[in-house]
């Protein structure tokens, strides 16, 4: 397949967003840390942060909202999320709708799946139980037997959803499934988790139903030692991962084959991570088998830096901290797993700056439609044209790529080579001396209707158009002298503060043009040219910015 055909295929495919909304209102896994979001600084200044941006601090458990459960959740010696290549999380998938056959506490079997869809070896399997209708972001479901005649959302979503039969996971291993995804709180039956002990009344109801349908007690149906061996040792060692709390447009895909892409935050220290999940179907008139074969030929370049406690944050922002609140061998409810409580500000590692990061009336990340994050674009490698504290121009971009109106633009300065995880790491150079755009760059972006931008250094701004100018006067003098040599005038002449302070934020975000920062990784391999570019970002309803997975499709 040639590159133009790949771009055409991805542009014309039918895209489906399978994420539920993630919010401070999203219930976490019962007993875990609920998502907290607060501003620790504002444009004009705030306690603990200084002036310059609307900066958020969040605390969260990774089992809140749509997330990927990795191998390390149950096996401490297994891979972290960052260790799992993207191609292991993308591929042919089948979405099976069993919603008409399951109910509270019920059990689904491999036969229920295979009677409705053709499952192939190596598939990704997405199970539509119908329980996403109990998500916090969905309308109430009436139930005459419940208080107020309304089904309790959290209890239905986390405690009452159906789960797999005792032979299900062995069948999944025999089928070499890459992933199992569900539209409810857990890919296991909730009564095979610590919720069995946290909610004894719910367990009593589940066991009574099991006696009625199968004539067995829970421990007879699921012998504890055998079940533990399967889920905590055999499955993670085999690399079988779980995708939980799906939602969004999943109800539009019933017993259909799709190409699924899962983009988790590449977390180094933890077992689970937020992710954005999208499903693709062939464009009108395209044969399904040909579409799947073509998708397999398209290469994905992962432009995302590892997400880690070692990742440096933007100056005066809060670094990432990770605290394990559960361990697989020590959780006091039994049926343990590894789970962490995390705390960070957003401006570290690969992330997307959203509109309200600098524009109070703008959209939060989670309110921006999914199709905005994907589309045709270019990687512009100008690394041979820039140096410490230098300025790059639209003409430099146009000298290496053919820009088309509406493109996504990724600017490759070469500064990824100085990132924290590089053999040539130079953190001061990466953070304070990276090149930045000329004063006409924002207007040029608007002229070409650039969809969004990305850059392989810490900020889309020139650092001397930020507060770094005041904090690093020696570096500012060096940059000022270089500007005089390049343009024949000093900084305040070329960049009047009232017009160009934080130019790429304050002049573009109100126009809907946002940008990704701290790109790297396989961007190092990307030559100048046209690509299909995607940003897999958690659907954070209150978030001004958010981490993501950034991919260029060749």
Protein backbone atom coordinates (compact mmCIF):
# COMPACT_ATOMS: atom_id res chain seq x y z
CA UNK A 1 0.00 0.00 0.00
CA UNK A 2 1.38 3.42 -0.93
CA UNK A 3 1.38 6.30 1.51
CA UNK A 4 -1.39 8.29 -0.23
CA UNK A 5 -3.64 5.23 -0.11
CA UNK A 6 -2.97 4.79 3.60
CA UNK A 7 -3.87 8.41 4.25
CA UNK A 8 -7.02 8.07 2.17
CA UNK A 9 -8.03 4.85 3.91
CA UNK A 10 -7.68 6.25 7.42
CA UNK A 11 -9.34 9.52 6.47
CA UNK A 12 -12.39 7.84 4.93
CA UNK A 13 -12.82 4.98 7.43
CA UNK A 14 -15.73 5.07 9.89
CA UNK A 15 -14.44 5.97 13.36
CA UNK A 16 -16.12 5.10 16.66
CA UNK A 17 -15.17 6.46 20.08
CA UNK A 18 -15.49 3.73 22.73
CA UNK A 19 -14.59 5.80 25.81
CA UNK A 20 -16.90 6.69 28.61
CA UNK A 21 -16.49 10.23 29.92
CA UNK A 22 -13.94 10.61 32.71
CA UNK A 23 -14.78 13.18 35.36
CA UNK A 24 -14.66 14.00 39.04
CA UNK A 25 -18.14 12.45 38.96
CA UNK A 26 -16.86 9.15 37.51
CA UNK A 27 -16.89 6.55 40.28
CA UNK A 28 -13.53 4.85 40.78
CA UNK A 29 -13.21 1.15 41.48
CA UNK A 30 -14.95 0.79 44.86
CA UNK A 31 -12.67 1.83 47.69
CA UNK A 32 -10.04 3.46 45.48
CA UNK A 33 -9.07 7.10 45.05
CA UNK A 34 -11.74 9.21 43.34
CA UNK A 35 -10.49 11.63 40.70
CA UNK A 36 -9.68 15.07 42.09
CA UNK A 37 -8.91 18.09 39.92
CA UNK A 38 -8.02 21.56 41.12
CA UNK A 39 -6.23 24.62 39.80
CA UNK A 40 -2.97 25.31 41.59
CA UNK A 41 -2.25 28.35 39.41
CA UNK A 42 -4.08 30.72 37.11
CA UNK A 43 -3.01 33.11 34.36
CA UNK A 44 -2.74 35.95 36.88
CA UNK A 45 -1.19 33.89 39.66
CA UNK A 46 -2.22 31.55 42.45
CA UNK A 47 -0.92 30.04 45.64
CA UNK A 48 2.01 27.70 45.05
CA UNK A 49 2.37 28.27 41.35
CA UNK A 50 3.17 31.76 40.13
CA UNK A 51 1.63 33.47 37.14
CA UNK A 52 1.43 32.40 33.55
CA UNK A 53 -1.15 29.65 32.89
CA UNK A 54 -4.22 27.86 34.14
CA UNK A 55 -2.42 24.90 35.67
CA UNK A 56 -4.19 21.88 37.16
CA UNK A 57 -3.12 19.34 39.73
CA UNK A 58 -4.90 15.98 39.73
CA UNK A 59 -4.97 12.93 41.95
CA UNK A 60 -6.38 9.69 40.60
CA UNK A 61 -6.51 5.94 40.51
CA UNK A 62 -5.89 4.43 37.09
CA UNK A 63 -9.02 2.29 37.49
CA UNK A 64 -11.28 5.29 36.95
CA UNK A 65 -12.90 5.73 33.55
CA UNK A 66 -11.85 3.78 30.46
CA UNK A 67 -8.52 2.11 31.20
CA UNK A 68 -6.19 -0.72 30.25
CA UNK A 69 -5.35 -3.30 32.92
CA UNK A 70 -1.88 -4.59 32.20
CA UNK A 71 -0.07 -7.76 33.15
CA UNK A 72 1.56 -6.20 36.21
CA UNK A 73 -1.83 -5.70 37.86
CA UNK A 74 -1.73 -9.34 38.94
CA UNK A 75 1.89 -10.38 38.39
CA UNK A 76 4.53 -8.05 39.82
CA UNK A 77 7.27 -9.40 37.57
CA UNK A 78 5.36 -8.73 34.36
CA UNK A 79 5.63 -5.76 32.00
CA UNK A 80 4.48 -2.28 32.89
CA UNK A 81 2.13 -0.42 30.55
CA UNK A 82 5.11 1.44 29.00
CA UNK A 83 6.74 -1.89 28.09
CA UNK A 84 3.83 -3.01 25.91
CA UNK A 85 4.31 -2.02 22.22
CA UNK A 86 1.35 -0.36 20.54
CA UNK A 87 1.02 -3.10 17.94
CA UNK A 88 0.10 -5.50 20.77
CA UNK A 89 -2.80 -3.21 21.63
CA UNK A 90 -4.17 -2.69 18.13
CA UNK A 91 -5.55 -5.03 15.53
CA UNK A 92 -8.54 -6.96 14.27
CA UNK A 93 -11.32 -7.13 16.81
CA UNK A 94 -14.81 -8.45 17.10
CA UNK A 95 -17.53 -6.69 19.09
CA UNK A 96 -20.11 -9.15 20.36
CA UNK A 97 -23.46 -8.02 21.74
CA UNK A 98 -24.77 -10.35 24.45
CA UNK A 99 -26.86 -7.68 26.19
CA UNK A 100 -30.10 -9.57 25.54
CA UNK A 101 -28.78 -12.69 27.26
CA UNK A 102 -27.28 -11.34 30.50
CA UNK A 103 -28.64 -9.72 33.63
CA UNK A 104 -27.59 -8.84 37.20
CA UNK A 105 -24.90 -11.21 38.52
CA UNK A 106 -25.28 -13.58 35.56
CA UNK A 107 -22.50 -15.53 33.85
CA UNK A 108 -21.54 -15.47 30.18
CA UNK A 109 -19.77 -18.32 28.42
CA UNK A 110 -17.54 -18.79 25.36
CA UNK A 111 -20.52 -20.39 23.62
CA UNK A 112 -22.55 -17.20 24.01
CA UNK A 113 -19.76 -15.39 22.19
CA UNK A 114 -19.11 -17.90 19.41
CA UNK A 115 -22.82 -18.40 18.67
CA UNK A 116 -23.03 -14.76 17.58
CA UNK A 117 -19.65 -13.91 16.04
CA UNK A 118 -16.72 -15.63 14.41
CA UNK A 119 -13.79 -15.26 16.80
CA UNK A 120 -10.39 -15.81 15.18
CA UNK A 121 -7.14 -16.72 16.87
CA UNK A 122 -5.27 -13.59 17.89
CA UNK A 123 -8.37 -11.38 17.87
CA UNK A 124 -9.20 -8.60 20.27
CA UNK A 125 -12.56 -9.40 21.86
CA UNK A 126 -14.93 -6.62 22.95
CA UNK A 127 -17.95 -7.80 24.93
CA UNK A 128 -21.00 -5.56 24.87
CA UNK A 129 -22.95 -6.57 27.98
CA UNK A 130 -25.17 -3.51 27.80
CA UNK A 131 -24.04 -2.41 31.25
CA UNK A 132 -22.46 0.79 29.92
CA UNK A 133 -26.03 2.09 30.16
CA UNK A 134 -25.37 2.29 33.91
CA UNK A 135 -22.35 4.54 33.43
CA UNK A 136 -22.40 7.78 35.40
CA UNK A 137 -22.66 9.79 32.16
CA UNK A 138 -25.77 7.91 30.91
CA UNK A 139 -29.50 8.53 31.56
CA UNK A 140 -31.09 6.83 34.55
CA UNK A 141 -32.39 3.28 34.09
CA UNK A 142 -35.75 2.62 35.73
CA UNK A 143 -36.21 -0.43 37.94
CA UNK A 144 -39.46 -0.82 39.94
CA UNK A 145 -37.67 -3.01 42.50
CA UNK A 146 -35.12 -0.36 43.46
CA UNK A 147 -35.32 2.65 45.74
CA UNK A 148 -36.93 5.59 43.93
CA UNK A 149 -37.62 3.04 41.16
CA UNK A 150 -34.21 3.88 39.66
CA UNK A 151 -31.30 1.48 39.24
CA UNK A 152 -28.32 2.60 41.29
CA UNK A 153 -25.68 3.44 38.70
CA UNK A 154 -22.58 2.59 40.73
CA UNK A 155 -23.96 -0.67 42.10
CA UNK A 156 -25.12 -1.83 38.67
CA UNK A 157 -21.91 -0.79 36.90
CA UNK A 158 -19.46 -2.22 39.43
CA UNK A 159 -21.27 -4.83 41.53
CA UNK A 160 -24.12 -6.33 39.52
CA UNK A 161 -22.74 -6.69 36.00
CA UNK A 162 -22.32 -10.16 34.47
CA UNK A 163 -18.98 -11.91 34.32
CA UNK A 164 -17.18 -14.78 32.61
CA UNK A 165 -17.73 -18.46 33.32
CA UNK A 166 -15.01 -20.60 34.95
CA UNK A 167 -13.77 -21.86 31.57
CA UNK A 168 -13.82 -18.48 29.85
CA UNK A 169 -10.25 -17.33 30.43
CA UNK A 170 -8.78 -20.71 29.45
CA UNK A 171 -10.77 -20.43 26.21
CA UNK A 172 -9.38 -16.91 25.74
CA UNK A 173 -5.82 -18.20 26.21
CA UNK A 174 -6.43 -21.07 23.78
CA UNK A 175 -7.69 -18.51 21.26
CA UNK A 176 -4.56 -16.39 21.90
CA UNK A 177 -6.71 -13.29 22.32
CA UNK A 178 -4.70 -10.05 22.50
CA UNK A 179 -7.19 -8.20 24.67
CA UNK A 180 -10.57 -8.66 26.30
CA UNK A 181 -12.66 -5.51 26.68
CA UNK A 182 -15.96 -4.97 28.48
CA UNK A 183 -18.47 -2.13 28.82
CA UNK A 184 -18.76 -2.47 32.60
CA UNK A 185 -16.59 -2.02 35.68
CA UNK A 186 -14.48 -5.17 35.40
CA UNK A 187 -13.64 -7.94 32.93
CA UNK A 188 -13.99 -10.43 35.78
CA UNK A 189 -17.22 -11.22 37.55
CA UNK A 190 -17.43 -8.70 40.41
CA UNK A 191 -17.94 -11.54 42.88
CA UNK A 192 -14.51 -12.90 41.91
CA UNK A 193 -12.90 -9.71 43.17
CA UNK A 194 -12.51 -8.10 46.58
CA UNK A 195 -16.03 -6.68 46.10
CA UNK A 196 -17.31 -10.07 47.27
CA UNK A 197 -16.09 -9.12 50.76
CA UNK A 198 -16.77 -5.40 50.63
CA UNK A 199 -20.41 -5.98 49.70
CA UNK A 200 -21.67 -9.09 51.46
CA UNK A 201 -25.31 -8.33 50.64
CA UNK A 202 -24.55 -8.22 46.92
CA UNK A 203 -22.60 -11.46 47.17
CA UNK A 204 -25.54 -13.13 48.89
CA UNK A 205 -27.80 -12.10 46.00
CA UNK A 206 -25.27 -13.31 43.43
CA UNK A 207 -24.82 -16.66 45.15
CA UNK A 208 -28.58 -17.16 45.45
CA UNK A 209 -28.92 -16.55 41.70
CA UNK A 210 -26.06 -18.99 41.00
CA UNK A 211 -27.78 -21.68 43.07
CA UNK A 212 -30.94 -21.06 41.09
CA UNK A 213 -29.30 -21.17 37.65
CA UNK A 214 -26.46 -23.66 38.19
CA UNK A 215 -27.25 -25.46 41.45
CA UNK A 216 -23.83 -24.61 42.92
CA UNK A 217 -22.31 -22.36 45.55
CA UNK A 218 -19.84 -19.71 44.39
CA UNK A 219 -16.78 -21.59 45.61
CA UNK A 220 -18.00 -24.78 43.96
CA UNK A 221 -18.42 -22.94 40.66
CA UNK A 222 -15.15 -21.04 41.00
CA UNK A 223 -12.70 -23.05 43.15
CA UNK A 224 -10.65 -20.25 44.75
CA UNK A 225 -7.17 -21.73 44.31
CA UNK A 226 -7.76 -22.65 40.66
CA UNK A 227 -9.29 -19.28 39.89
CA UNK A 228 -6.39 -17.42 41.55
CA UNK A 229 -3.87 -19.47 39.59
CA UNK A 230 -5.61 -18.60 36.33
CA UNK A 231 -6.16 -14.85 36.85
CA UNK A 232 -3.08 -13.92 38.90
CA UNK A 233 -0.40 -16.12 37.35
CA UNK A 234 -1.35 -17.87 34.11
CA UNK A 235 -3.16 -14.97 32.40
CA UNK A 236 -0.60 -12.22 33.11
CA UNK A 237 2.31 -14.51 32.20
CA UNK A 238 0.57 -15.18 28.88
CA UNK A 239 0.18 -11.44 28.30
CA UNK A 240 -3.62 -11.40 28.27
CA UNK A 241 -4.70 -7.84 29.06
CA UNK A 242 -8.08 -6.42 30.03
CA UNK A 243 -9.84 -3.30 28.80
CA UNK A 244 -12.47 -2.00 31.19
CA UNK A 245 -15.21 0.63 31.48
CA UNK A 246 -15.80 1.02 27.75
CA UNK A 247 -18.70 3.18 26.63
CA UNK A 248 -19.25 5.96 24.13
CA UNK A 249 -20.44 4.57 20.80
CA UNK A 250 -20.07 0.89 21.71
CA UNK A 251 -23.84 0.43 21.32
CA UNK A 252 -23.51 1.20 17.60
CA UNK A 253 -21.30 -1.85 17.03
CA UNK A 254 -23.20 -5.08 17.45
CA UNK A 255 -21.71 -8.41 16.40
CA UNK A 256 -19.37 -6.72 13.96
CA UNK A 257 -15.70 -6.95 13.06
CA UNK A 258 -13.64 -3.79 13.48
CA UNK A 259 -10.05 -2.60 13.60
CA UNK A 260 -9.43 -1.58 17.21
CA UNK A 261 -6.79 0.85 18.44
CA UNK A 262 -6.00 1.28 22.13
CA UNK A 263 -3.74 4.17 23.12
CA UNK A 264 -2.81 4.02 26.82
CA UNK A 265 -0.58 6.51 28.62
CA UNK A 266 2.81 4.70 28.56
CA UNK A 267 3.19 4.55 32.34
CA UNK A 268 6.50 3.04 33.49
CA UNK A 269 5.78 2.39 37.16
CA UNK A 270 2.22 1.17 37.16
CA UNK A 271 0.02 -1.74 36.18
CA UNK A 272 -2.94 0.07 34.59
CA UNK A 273 -3.40 3.31 32.69
CA UNK A 274 -5.96 5.62 31.16
CA UNK A 275 -6.44 5.08 27.46
CA UNK A 276 -8.48 6.23 24.48
CA UNK A 277 -10.11 3.43 22.51
CA UNK A 278 -11.29 3.80 18.93
CA UNK A 279 -12.79 1.33 16.49
CA UNK A 280 -12.58 1.63 12.72
CA UNK A 281 -14.76 0.09 10.04
CA UNK A 282 -14.16 0.13 6.28
CA UNK A 283 -15.16 3.15 4.21
CA UNK A 284 -18.32 2.74 2.17
CA UNK A 285 -17.71 0.40 -0.75
CA UNK A 286 -14.54 -1.14 0.72
CA UNK A 287 -14.37 -4.88 1.31
CA UNK A 288 -13.89 -5.75 5.00
CA UNK A 289 -11.12 -8.30 4.39
CA UNK A 290 -9.25 -5.86 2.15
CA UNK A 291 -9.61 -3.14 4.78
CA UNK A 292 -8.20 -5.37 7.54
CA UNK A 293 -5.31 -6.47 5.31
CA UNK A 294 -4.54 -2.85 4.46
CA UNK A 295 -4.61 -1.80 8.13
CA UNK A 296 -2.04 -4.49 8.94
CA UNK A 297 0.34 -2.92 6.42
CA UNK A 298 0.20 0.57 7.93
CA UNK A 299 3.07 1.26 10.33
CA UNK A 300 2.52 3.15 13.57
CA UNK A 301 5.24 5.48 14.80
CA UNK A 302 4.79 6.03 18.52
CA UNK A 303 5.76 9.63 19.25
CA UNK A 304 5.08 9.39 23.00
CA UNK A 305 7.65 9.72 25.77
CA UNK A 306 7.49 7.24 28.66
CA UNK A 307 5.40 8.51 31.55
CA UNK A 308 7.38 8.18 34.76
CA UNK A 309 8.22 9.67 38.15
CA UNK A 310 11.58 10.44 36.53
CA UNK A 311 9.99 12.64 33.85
CA UNK A 312 10.84 16.32 34.49
CA UNK A 313 7.87 18.64 34.78
CA UNK A 314 7.58 22.21 33.49
CA UNK A 315 9.26 24.55 35.95
CA UNK A 316 7.18 25.26 39.12
CA UNK A 317 4.69 22.51 38.26
CA UNK A 318 4.09 19.50 40.50
CA UNK A 319 5.99 16.31 39.57
CA UNK A 320 4.43 12.88 39.28
CA UNK A 321 4.25 10.74 42.40
CA UNK A 322 3.02 7.13 42.60
CA UNK A 323 1.96 5.36 45.78
CA UNK A 324 0.85 1.74 45.74
CA UNK A 325 -2.30 1.38 47.82
CA UNK A 326 -2.78 -2.33 47.07
CA UNK A 327 -0.39 -5.15 46.36
CA UNK A 328 -1.24 -8.48 44.86
CA UNK A 329 0.02 -10.28 47.97
CA UNK A 330 -1.11 -7.94 50.67
CA UNK A 331 -4.53 -6.48 50.10
CA UNK A 332 -6.56 -7.09 53.23
CA UNK A 333 -9.75 -8.00 51.39
CA UNK A 334 -8.03 -10.91 49.68
CA UNK A 335 -8.03 -11.52 45.90
CA UNK A 336 -5.40 -8.80 45.78
CA UNK A 337 -3.97 -6.85 42.89
CA UNK A 338 -1.42 -4.11 42.39
CA UNK A 339 -2.93 -0.65 42.25
CA UNK A 340 -1.48 2.83 42.63
CA UNK A 341 -2.69 6.25 43.70
CA UNK A 342 -1.11 8.92 41.48
CA UNK A 343 -0.65 12.68 41.79
CA UNK A 344 0.73 15.11 39.21
CA UNK A 345 0.31 18.28 37.22
CA UNK A 346 -0.20 17.82 33.51
CA UNK A 347 2.82 19.53 32.03
CA UNK A 348 5.22 16.65 32.05
CA UNK A 349 5.79 13.89 29.48
CA UNK A 350 3.82 13.86 26.22
CA UNK A 351 0.58 15.79 26.68
CA UNK A 352 -2.00 17.88 24.87
CA UNK A 353 -2.59 21.46 26.02
CA UNK A 354 -6.31 22.10 25.86
CA UNK A 355 -8.07 25.39 25.26
CA UNK A 356 -8.80 26.25 28.91
CA UNK A 357 -5.13 25.91 29.79
CA UNK A 358 -4.93 29.55 28.64
CA UNK A 359 -8.49 30.49 27.67
CA UNK A 360 -11.00 30.33 30.52
CA UNK A 361 -14.02 30.15 28.17
CA UNK A 362 -12.54 27.32 26.14
CA UNK A 363 -13.41 23.65 25.88
CA UNK A 364 -11.93 21.14 28.31
CA UNK A 365 -10.16 18.19 26.74
CA UNK A 366 -13.12 15.84 27.21
CA UNK A 367 -15.58 18.09 25.40
CA UNK A 368 -13.58 18.13 22.16
CA UNK A 369 -15.01 15.59 19.64
CA UNK A 370 -12.91 12.49 19.09
CA UNK A 371 -12.52 13.11 15.35
CA UNK A 372 -10.68 16.35 16.10
CA UNK A 373 -7.71 14.36 17.40
CA UNK A 374 -7.18 12.36 14.18
CA UNK A 375 -6.46 13.40 10.62
CA UNK A 376 -4.01 13.98 7.78
CA UNK A 377 -0.94 16.02 8.57
CA UNK A 378 2.78 16.44 8.23
CA UNK A 379 5.97 15.90 10.15
CA UNK A 380 8.33 18.79 9.43
CA UNK A 381 11.94 17.91 10.29
CA UNK A 382 13.73 21.25 10.71
CA UNK A 383 16.39 19.91 13.09
CA UNK A 384 19.15 20.93 10.65
CA UNK A 385 17.87 24.53 10.65
CA UNK A 386 17.69 25.26 14.40
CA UNK A 387 20.07 25.56 17.34
CA UNK A 388 20.10 26.65 20.98
CA UNK A 389 17.45 29.34 21.63
CA UNK A 390 17.00 29.97 17.89
CA UNK A 391 13.79 30.95 16.12
CA UNK A 392 12.10 28.88 13.42
CA UNK A 393 9.80 30.33 10.78
CA UNK A 394 6.92 29.27 8.50
CA UNK A 395 9.37 29.36 5.62
CA UNK A 396 11.46 26.68 7.31
CA UNK A 397 8.40 24.45 7.61
CA UNK A 398 7.43 25.04 3.98
CA UNK A 399 10.97 24.24 2.85
CA UNK A 400 10.69 20.65 4.08
CA UNK A 401 6.99 19.75 3.66
CA UNK A 402 3.98 20.61 1.54
CA UNK A 403 1.47 22.07 4.00
CA UNK A 404 -2.20 21.70 3.12
CA UNK A 405 -5.04 23.62 4.72
CA UNK A 406 -6.51 21.72 7.67
CA UNK A 407 -3.36 19.68 8.38
CA UNK A 408 -2.09 18.55 11.74
CA UNK A 409 1.49 19.83 12.04
CA UNK A 410 4.26 18.09 13.99
CA UNK A 411 7.40 20.22 14.29
CA UNK A 412 10.54 18.11 14.70
CA UNK A 413 13.27 20.34 16.10
CA UNK A 414 15.56 17.47 17.10
CA UNK A 415 15.31 18.49 20.76
CA UNK A 416 13.83 15.08 21.68
CA UNK A 417 17.45 13.89 21.74
CA UNK A 418 18.00 15.96 24.91
CA UNK A 419 15.01 14.48 26.77
CA UNK A 420 15.37 12.82 30.16
CA UNK A 421 15.37 9.25 28.79
CA UNK A 422 17.90 9.87 26.01
CA UNK A 423 21.60 8.86 26.08
CA UNK A 424 22.30 12.52 25.21
CA UNK A 425 20.02 13.88 27.92
CA UNK A 426 20.56 17.53 28.74
CA UNK A 427 17.64 18.63 30.84
CA UNK A 428 18.52 22.33 31.02
CA UNK A 429 19.00 22.52 27.27
CA UNK A 430 15.74 20.61 26.72
CA UNK A 431 13.69 22.81 29.06
CA UNK A 432 15.24 26.27 28.67
CA UNK A 433 17.22 26.46 25.40
CA UNK A 434 14.93 24.83 22.85
CA UNK A 435 14.04 26.76 19.68
CA UNK A 436 10.66 28.41 19.23
CA UNK A 437 8.43 29.95 16.57
CA UNK A 438 8.76 33.35 14.96
CA UNK A 439 6.19 36.10 15.68
CA UNK A 440 4.31 35.41 12.44
CA UNK A 441 3.98 31.68 13.13
CA UNK A 442 0.59 31.78 14.88
CA UNK A 443 -0.97 33.84 12.09
CA UNK A 444 0.50 31.43 9.55
CA UNK A 445 -1.14 28.52 11.42
CA UNK A 446 -4.50 30.28 11.28
CA UNK A 447 -4.07 31.08 7.60
CA UNK A 448 -3.56 27.38 6.86
CA UNK A 449 -6.31 26.31 9.28
CA UNK A 450 -3.88 24.05 11.12
CA UNK A 451 -5.98 21.60 13.14
CA UNK A 452 -3.49 21.18 16.00
CA UNK A 453 0.26 21.21 16.43
CA UNK A 454 2.88 19.13 18.17
CA UNK A 455 6.54 19.64 19.01
CA UNK A 456 9.40 17.50 20.31
CA UNK A 457 10.47 19.84 23.10
CA UNK A 458 8.96 21.04 26.35
CA UNK A 459 6.81 23.83 24.89
CA UNK A 460 5.35 25.09 21.63
CA UNK A 461 6.44 28.58 22.75
CA UNK A 462 9.93 29.94 22.57
CA UNK A 463 11.03 29.67 26.22
CA UNK A 464 11.94 33.34 26.22
CA UNK A 465 8.30 34.22 25.50
CA UNK A 466 7.37 32.62 28.82
CA UNK A 467 8.17 33.23 32.47
CA UNK A 468 11.51 31.51 31.81
CA UNK A 469 12.73 34.87 30.49
CA UNK A 470 12.59 36.26 34.05
CA UNK A 471 13.91 33.14 35.72
CA UNK A 472 16.90 32.72 33.38
CA UNK A 473 18.28 36.18 32.53
CA UNK A 474 21.63 34.82 31.29
CA UNK A 475 19.88 32.52 28.79
CA UNK A 476 17.63 35.41 27.76
CA UNK A 477 20.65 37.56 26.92
CA UNK A 478 22.07 34.73 24.80
CA UNK A 479 18.74 34.33 22.99
CA UNK A 480 18.41 38.08 22.53
CA UNK A 481 21.83 38.30 20.93
CA UNK A 482 21.03 35.40 18.60
CA UNK A 483 17.78 37.12 17.60
CA UNK A 484 19.64 40.33 16.75
CA UNK A 485 22.02 38.33 14.57
CA UNK A 486 19.17 36.46 12.85
CA UNK A 487 16.62 39.27 12.44
CA UNK A 488 18.51 42.50 13.06
CA UNK A 489 16.43 43.60 16.08
CA UNK A 490 16.21 42.80 19.80
CA UNK A 491 13.61 40.67 21.58
CA UNK A 492 11.22 43.39 22.68
CA UNK A 493 11.17 44.82 19.16
CA UNK A 494 10.50 41.46 17.49
CA UNK A 495 8.21 40.12 20.25
CA UNK A 496 6.36 43.00 22.00
CA UNK A 497 5.14 41.47 25.25
CA UNK A 498 1.55 42.69 24.97
CA UNK A 499 1.23 40.96 21.61
CA UNK A 500 3.50 37.92 21.81
CA UNK A 501 3.77 36.77 25.42
CA UNK A 502 2.83 33.06 25.28
CA UNK A 503 1.93 33.73 21.65
CA UNK A 504 1.13 30.14 20.63
CA UNK A 505 -1.23 29.79 23.60
CA UNK A 506 -2.89 33.15 24.02
CA UNK A 507 -3.30 33.88 20.30
CA UNK A 508 -4.22 30.37 19.11
CA UNK A 509 -6.25 28.67 21.85
CA UNK A 510 -9.23 31.06 21.55
CA UNK A 511 -9.21 30.12 17.85
CA UNK A 512 -9.41 26.41 18.68
CA UNK A 513 -5.81 25.60 17.68
CA UNK A 514 -4.18 23.64 20.49
CA UNK A 515 -0.93 21.73 20.66
CA UNK A 516 0.92 18.71 22.00
CA UNK A 517 4.26 19.05 23.76
CA UNK A 518 7.14 16.75 24.72
CA UNK A 519 6.81 14.42 21.74
CA UNK A 520 9.68 12.06 20.97
CA UNK A 521 10.32 8.31 20.89
CA UNK A 522 9.88 7.07 17.29
CA UNK A 523 9.49 10.63 16.04
CA UNK A 524 13.27 10.36 15.80
CA UNK A 525 12.75 7.97 12.86
CA UNK A 526 10.18 10.13 11.05
CA UNK A 527 11.32 11.92 7.93
CA UNK A 528 9.63 15.05 6.68
CA UNK A 529 6.45 14.19 4.82
CA UNK A 530 2.77 13.42 4.98
CA UNK A 531 1.28 11.10 7.60
CA UNK A 532 -2.04 10.32 9.22
CA UNK A 533 -1.66 11.59 12.77
CA UNK A 534 -3.60 10.62 15.90
CA UNK A 535 -3.79 11.68 19.53
CA UNK A 536 -5.28 9.12 21.94
CA UNK A 537 -6.35 11.27 24.89
CA UNK A 538 -8.46 10.40 27.91
CA UNK A 539 -11.93 11.92 27.72
CA UNK A 540 -11.36 14.19 30.74
CA UNK A 541 -14.42 16.37 31.25
CA UNK A 542 -12.84 18.92 33.62
CA UNK A 543 -9.30 18.72 32.28
CA UNK A 544 -7.52 21.76 30.83
CA UNK A 545 -4.78 19.49 29.47
CA UNK A 546 -4.11 15.77 29.46
CA UNK A 547 -1.51 13.14 28.72
CA UNK A 548 -2.00 10.93 25.72
CA UNK A 549 -0.52 8.57 23.17
CA UNK A 550 0.60 10.29 19.97
CA UNK A 551 0.96 8.28 16.77
CA UNK A 552 1.97 8.96 13.17
CA UNK A 553 0.71 6.36 10.70
CA UNK A 554 3.06 5.78 7.75
